[in-house]
Structures are given as structure tokens and as C-alpha cells.
Amino acid sequence: MAFMQNQNIEFTRNHIDKVFKTLTSSDNELNQYFSDYLAVTYSDDLTEKLYYVDIAEISKFIVDKFKTGQIDFFSTFFSQVDIILTNCDTYIDELIVVGLFEGIQNICGLDIDYYFGFDKWLKPESKSKWDTLIDGWEGKTWRNRKQ
């Protein structure tokens, strides 16, 4: 029996606004922050959207909230991320992994253990892709480290 790809792909490059709406719907402050960012960044209709830059703003928001302990919405946020990852095309998958996850990991600094610090919120698909991203940069020896 051949492997059948998910036929119900809900999150696609052609409907990318739905991805951002889903991500930001997990928290009112995130939603407002991102709306304000969009209003300033794309104040005219001529500016081409730069989705990787846009998702980096969400990464920054997440890391800032982590550092200040304002993490009440993280479970919902990362549940939304997992829903997106299990129902998306390749472009959106890369946007989440390379844009959002790598964005978070790159700006954690020494304050946050990006190897294991988000584990309690990452769902199965997200955790797998999060870890694989680290593997790609650092190999797999980090997995032997104690949490």
C-alpha cells in the first residue's frame, strides 16, 4: 500500500494570511502586536510582503515573553503551530521551521535553553521538526545532554 499524503491541506502559500491569523489568534496581545507591526510595515499597498521577516516578528515576541515569564498562552500557541505543521504544504512547513523555529532558536541567547526550554509546549510534530532543525546545525550529540 502506497503512502498517501494528507489530502486536507489547510495551510498553503496561496492562503498564507490564514497561517498568520492562526498563529496570532492564540493571544490577544500577540494579535495586537502583530497587527500593529503589519500596519507600520505595510502602510502602503505597494510594499511587497516579506513573510520570513514577518514571522521573525512573532519569534521575537515569543522569546520576549519567555524571558519575562509571560508564557500563559504558549500551550495554545504551540498547539496552533502543530495544527499548521500537520496540515500544510512544503512552503508553510519551511516557513514555520526555518522562519519561526530557527528565529526563536537564534535569538534565545544564553538566557534560554533552546534545546529543551520549549519542550513542555511543543507538540509531537513541532518537537520532531524543532529537534531536526538543531540536528541540522549541530549534529545529534546535543540529544545526549541532560535536560
Protein backbone atom coordinates (compact mmCIF):
# COMPACT_ATOMS: atom_id res chain seq x y z
CA MET A 1 0.00 0.00 0.00
CA ALA A 2 1.46 3.34 -1.05
CA PHE A 3 1.77 6.17 1.43
CA MET A 4 -0.98 8.73 0.86
CA GLN A 5 -0.23 12.35 1.62
CA ASN A 6 -2.75 14.30 3.65
CA GLN A 7 -5.40 15.39 1.17
CA ASN A 8 -6.82 18.02 3.51
CA ILE A 9 -4.01 20.55 3.35
CA GLU A 10 -5.45 23.59 5.01
CA PHE A 11 -2.45 25.92 5.22
CA THR A 12 -0.87 26.84 1.90
CA ARG A 13 1.28 29.55 0.40
CA ASN A 14 -1.76 30.75 -1.54
CA HIS A 15 -3.62 31.34 1.75
CA ILE A 16 -0.70 32.44 3.88
CA ASP A 17 -2.75 35.05 5.75
CA LYS A 18 -4.59 32.14 7.35
CA VAL A 19 -1.27 30.89 8.77
CA PHE A 20 -0.53 34.22 10.42
CA LYS A 21 -4.10 34.60 11.63
CA THR A 22 -3.96 31.12 13.20
CA LEU A 23 -0.63 31.81 14.89
CA THR A 24 -1.65 35.17 16.31
CA SER A 25 -5.12 34.04 17.42
CA SER A 26 -3.61 32.29 20.43
CA ASP A 27 -3.09 35.52 22.39
CA ASN A 28 -4.76 38.93 22.27
CA GLU A 29 -1.51 40.78 22.93
CA LEU A 30 0.28 38.85 20.17
CA ASN A 31 -2.59 39.56 17.82
CA GLN A 32 -2.43 43.30 18.57
CA TYR A 33 1.38 43.36 18.39
CA PHE A 34 1.36 41.66 15.01
CA SER A 35 -1.47 43.83 13.68
CA ASP A 36 0.45 46.95 14.70
CA TYR A 37 3.60 45.57 13.08
CA LEU A 38 1.74 44.91 9.81
CA ALA A 39 0.15 48.37 9.84
CA VAL A 40 3.53 50.07 10.15
CA THR A 41 5.48 47.74 7.87
CA TYR A 42 2.92 47.62 5.09
CA SER A 43 1.42 51.08 5.43
CA ASP A 44 1.06 51.36 1.67
CA ASP A 45 -0.34 48.82 -0.75
CA LEU A 46 2.85 48.84 -2.80
CA THR A 47 5.11 47.17 -0.25
CA GLU A 48 5.70 43.51 -1.03
CA LYS A 49 5.17 41.25 1.95
CA LEU A 50 8.24 39.51 3.29
CA TYR A 51 6.83 36.51 5.11
CA TYR A 52 10.10 35.37 6.68
CA VAL A 53 10.62 38.84 8.14
CA ASP A 54 7.00 38.85 9.32
CA ILE A 55 7.29 35.51 11.08
CA ALA A 56 10.55 36.67 12.68
CA GLU A 57 8.46 39.31 14.48
CA ILE A 58 6.42 36.51 16.00
CA SER A 59 9.63 34.70 17.01
CA LYS A 60 10.83 37.88 18.72
CA PHE A 61 7.52 38.26 20.56
CA ILE A 62 7.68 34.63 21.79
CA VAL A 63 11.26 34.98 23.06
CA ASP A 64 10.49 38.29 24.76
CA LYS A 65 7.50 36.72 26.54
CA PHE A 66 9.57 33.70 27.55
CA LYS A 67 12.23 35.95 29.07
CA THR A 68 9.64 37.85 31.12
CA GLY A 69 7.78 34.70 32.19
CA GLN A 70 4.60 35.70 30.36
CA ILE A 71 4.01 32.21 28.97
CA ASP A 72 0.34 31.54 29.74
CA PHE A 73 -0.56 31.37 26.05
CA PHE A 74 2.37 29.17 24.95
CA SER A 75 0.42 25.92 25.13
CA THR A 76 -2.27 27.31 22.85
CA PHE A 77 0.27 28.95 20.55
CA PHE A 78 2.32 25.80 20.06
CA SER A 79 -0.84 23.73 19.61
CA GLN A 80 -1.73 26.06 16.75
CA VAL A 81 1.78 25.63 15.33
CA ASP A 82 1.37 21.85 15.41
CA ILE A 83 -2.01 22.05 13.68
CA ILE A 84 -0.42 24.13 10.95
CA LEU A 85 2.52 21.73 10.55
CA THR A 86 0.28 18.69 10.24
CA ASN A 87 -1.94 20.36 7.62
CA CYS A 88 0.36 22.42 5.41
CA ASP A 89 2.21 22.48 2.13
CA THR A 90 6.01 22.45 1.86
CA TYR A 91 6.29 26.24 1.71
CA ILE A 92 4.43 26.72 5.00
CA ASP A 93 6.36 23.87 6.63
CA GLU A 94 9.61 25.65 5.77
CA LEU A 95 8.21 29.00 6.89
CA ILE A 96 7.41 27.56 10.32
CA VAL A 97 10.63 25.57 10.72
CA VAL A 98 13.13 27.99 9.17
CA GLY A 99 11.23 31.18 9.96
CA LEU A 100 9.56 30.67 13.32
CA PHE A 101 11.59 27.89 14.98
CA GLU A 102 15.00 28.96 13.75
CA GLY A 103 14.05 32.54 14.55
CA ILE A 104 13.26 31.56 18.14
CA GLN A 105 16.39 29.45 18.49
CA ASN A 106 18.66 32.15 17.06
CA ILE A 107 17.53 34.89 19.43
CA CYS A 108 17.28 32.86 22.64
CA GLY A 109 20.80 33.88 23.56
CA LEU A 110 22.36 32.43 26.68
CA ASP A 111 19.24 33.18 28.74
CA ILE A 112 17.15 30.36 27.29
CA ASP A 113 17.97 26.70 26.72
CA TYR A 114 16.57 26.34 23.22
CA TYR A 115 17.42 22.64 23.19
CA PHE A 116 14.88 21.74 25.86
CA GLY A 117 13.39 25.01 27.16
CA PHE A 118 10.29 24.84 24.95
CA ASP A 119 9.68 21.08 25.24
CA LYS A 120 6.70 21.37 27.58
CA TRP A 121 4.80 23.33 24.91
CA LEU A 122 5.97 21.63 21.72
CA LYS A 123 3.56 19.05 20.37
CA PRO A 124 4.74 15.88 18.54
CA GLU A 125 5.12 17.29 15.02
CA SER A 126 6.61 20.54 16.28
CA LYS A 127 9.03 18.76 18.62
CA SER A 128 10.25 16.49 15.83
CA LYS A 129 10.88 19.41 13.47
CA TRP A 130 12.39 21.57 16.25
CA ASP A 131 14.89 18.83 17.10
CA THR A 132 15.67 18.05 13.46
CA LEU A 133 16.45 21.73 12.90
CA ILE A 134 19.01 21.65 15.73
CA ASP A 135 20.43 18.38 14.35
CA GLY A 136 21.00 20.08 11.01
CA TRP A 137 23.14 22.77 12.58
CA GLU A 138 24.82 20.91 15.42
CA GLY A 139 24.57 17.17 14.82
CA LYS A 140 22.81 14.87 17.27
CA THR A 141 25.17 14.82 20.23
CA TRP A 142 23.17 17.55 21.96
CA ARG A 143 20.39 14.97 22.42
CA ASN A 144 22.56 13.12 24.94
CA ARG A 145 22.72 16.19 27.17
CA LYS A 146 20.75 16.13 30.40
CA GLN A 147 17.72 18.40 30.46
